[in-house]
Amino acid sequence: MATPMNNEQDKQLQTTLENLALILKLWIPVLTEIKKMNQTLEKLPDNFSLLQRQINKLSQANTYIKKNPLPPEHLEQIRQLQGFELKLQALTNNLDCELPQLVKLEKQIGNLIALRERVEALQEQCQINQAKYVKKR
């Protein structure tokens, strides 16, 4: 026979489980977004390496040009430098496009941390409720 105290504890446990289910439902889209962002972030080191190499090449070319002005017959070298410049600009633009996603990821990570803290609090409450329930029996 269920006592009023057992009914109250059962209701609290049910509420706690419903809260956990809601939190888990909220986690799924966040984790999916984090997975997508992680795939994008995995490419960033390669992009940064390429950017660093291109910056070094441009710097070397710029130093060379300052020391040895190119005569008009070296148009191919000038075109290569312009090509490097365009690639550098494109890479910079791509990285700029990633910035909003990184900010969004940061917010989602903050949400995940808050959700984790809520889950931990609910787990603690479940353990307390279970201990009370077992003790009463």
Protein backbone atom coordinates (compact mmCIF):
# COMPACT_ATOMS: atom_id res chain seq x y z
CA MET A 1 0.00 0.00 0.00
CA ALA A 2 1.41 3.36 -1.01
CA THR A 3 1.69 5.97 1.67
CA PRO A 4 1.28 9.71 1.06
CA MET A 5 5.03 10.11 1.55
CA ASN A 6 5.77 7.43 -1.04
CA ASN A 7 3.36 9.10 -3.47
CA GLU A 8 5.10 12.44 -2.95
CA GLN A 9 8.51 10.86 -3.46
CA ASP A 10 7.26 9.08 -6.58
CA LYS A 11 5.97 12.41 -7.93
CA GLN A 12 9.31 14.08 -7.19
CA LEU A 13 11.18 11.25 -8.87
CA GLN A 14 8.85 11.45 -11.89
CA THR A 15 9.38 15.22 -12.11
CA THR A 16 13.13 14.73 -11.86
CA LEU A 17 13.08 12.12 -14.63
CA GLU A 18 10.96 14.40 -16.83
CA ASN A 19 13.46 17.22 -16.27
CA LEU A 20 16.32 14.89 -17.22
CA ALA A 21 14.48 13.82 -20.38
CA LEU A 22 13.93 17.47 -21.35
CA ILE A 23 17.59 18.28 -20.78
CA LEU A 24 18.69 15.31 -22.87
CA LYS A 25 16.38 16.45 -25.69
CA LEU A 26 18.04 19.88 -25.55
CA TRP A 27 21.51 18.34 -25.68
CA ILE A 28 21.00 16.49 -28.95
CA PRO A 29 20.89 19.55 -31.29
CA VAL A 30 23.75 21.17 -29.41
CA LEU A 31 25.91 18.06 -29.73
CA THR A 32 25.02 17.81 -33.43
CA GLU A 33 26.10 21.42 -33.96
CA ILE A 34 29.30 20.85 -32.00
CA LYS A 35 30.08 17.84 -34.21
CA LYS A 36 29.65 20.00 -37.33
CA MET A 37 31.80 22.73 -35.80
CA ASN A 38 34.47 20.20 -34.85
CA GLN A 39 34.68 19.08 -38.48
CA THR A 40 35.18 22.70 -39.51
CA LEU A 41 37.71 23.31 -36.75
CA GLU A 42 39.73 20.26 -37.82
CA LYS A 43 40.48 22.09 -41.08
CA LEU A 44 41.67 25.28 -39.37
CA PRO A 45 45.23 24.10 -38.56
CA ASP A 46 45.76 23.33 -42.26
CA ASN A 47 44.30 26.70 -43.19
CA PHE A 48 46.53 28.45 -40.66
CA SER A 49 49.60 26.57 -41.93
CA LEU A 50 48.78 27.56 -45.50
CA LEU A 51 48.19 31.13 -44.39
CA GLN A 52 51.53 31.20 -42.56
CA ARG A 53 53.39 29.84 -45.62
CA GLN A 54 51.71 32.38 -47.88
CA ILE A 55 52.51 35.21 -45.48
CA ASN A 56 56.15 34.10 -45.42
CA LYS A 57 56.29 33.96 -49.22
CA LEU A 58 54.71 37.39 -49.51
CA SER A 59 57.08 38.79 -46.93
CA GLN A 60 60.10 37.33 -48.72
CA ALA A 61 58.85 38.58 -52.08
CA ASN A 62 58.15 42.02 -50.64
CA THR A 63 61.65 42.18 -49.13
CA TYR A 64 63.16 41.11 -52.44
CA ILE A 65 61.15 43.68 -54.39
CA LYS A 66 62.17 46.46 -52.03
CA LYS A 67 65.83 45.53 -52.42
CA ASN A 68 65.65 44.74 -56.13
CA PRO A 69 62.87 46.51 -57.99
CA LEU A 70 61.53 44.23 -60.70
CA PRO A 71 61.94 45.37 -64.26
CA PRO A 72 58.85 45.26 -66.47
CA GLU A 73 59.98 41.97 -68.06
CA HIS A 74 59.31 40.15 -64.77
CA LEU A 75 55.55 40.42 -65.08
CA GLU A 76 55.15 36.69 -64.36
CA GLN A 77 56.68 37.12 -60.92
CA ILE A 78 54.41 40.09 -60.29
CA ARG A 79 51.39 37.98 -61.32
CA GLN A 80 52.49 35.20 -58.96
CA LEU A 81 52.72 37.69 -56.13
CA GLN A 82 49.27 38.99 -56.98
CA GLY A 83 48.01 35.39 -57.01
CA PHE A 84 49.49 34.83 -53.56
CA GLU A 85 47.84 38.02 -52.40
CA LEU A 86 44.46 36.87 -53.72
CA LYS A 87 44.83 33.47 -52.04
CA LEU A 88 45.78 35.17 -48.81
CA GLN A 89 42.74 37.41 -49.04
CA ALA A 90 40.47 34.43 -49.78
CA LEU A 91 41.88 32.54 -46.82
CA THR A 92 41.42 35.54 -44.57
CA ASN A 93 37.82 35.87 -45.78
CA ASN A 94 37.21 32.17 -45.09
CA LEU A 95 38.56 32.52 -41.58
CA ASP A 96 36.41 35.60 -41.05
CA CYS A 97 33.39 33.54 -42.13
CA GLU A 98 34.27 30.92 -39.50
CA LEU A 99 34.31 33.48 -36.70
CA PRO A 100 30.50 33.65 -36.18
CA GLN A 101 30.39 29.86 -36.01
CA LEU A 102 33.15 29.86 -33.42
CA VAL A 103 31.23 32.41 -31.35
CA LYS A 104 28.09 30.29 -31.70
CA LEU A 105 30.08 27.22 -30.62
CA GLU A 106 31.34 29.08 -27.57
CA LYS A 107 27.76 29.91 -26.57
CA GLN A 108 26.66 26.32 -27.13
CA ILE A 109 29.51 25.04 -25.01
CA GLY A 110 28.35 27.41 -22.28
CA ASN A 111 24.85 25.98 -22.65
CA LEU A 112 26.23 22.45 -22.44
CA ILE A 113 28.08 23.30 -19.25
CA ALA A 114 24.91 24.76 -17.76
CA LEU A 115 22.95 21.69 -18.84
CA ARG A 116 25.58 19.40 -17.33
CA GLU A 117 25.36 21.28 -14.04
CA ARG A 118 21.58 20.93 -14.10
CA VAL A 119 21.85 17.19 -14.80
CA GLU A 120 24.29 16.81 -11.92
CA ALA A 121 21.90 18.65 -9.61
CA LEU A 122 19.03 16.44 -10.76
CA GLN A 123 21.15 13.32 -10.28
CA GLU A 124 21.96 14.45 -6.77
CA GLN A 125 18.27 15.06 -6.11
CA CYS A 126 17.44 11.59 -7.47
CA GLN A 127 20.01 10.03 -5.16
CA ILE A 128 18.58 11.92 -2.19
CA ASN A 129 15.05 10.86 -3.14
CA GLN A 130 16.13 7.25 -3.61
CA ALA A 131 17.91 7.23 -0.25
CA LYS A 132 14.79 8.61 1.44
CA TYR A 133 12.60 6.11 -0.38
CA VAL A 134 14.81 3.15 0.58
CA LYS A 135 15.10 4.37 4.16
CA LYS A 136 11.30 4.60 4.50
CA ARG A 137 10.79 1.03 3.28
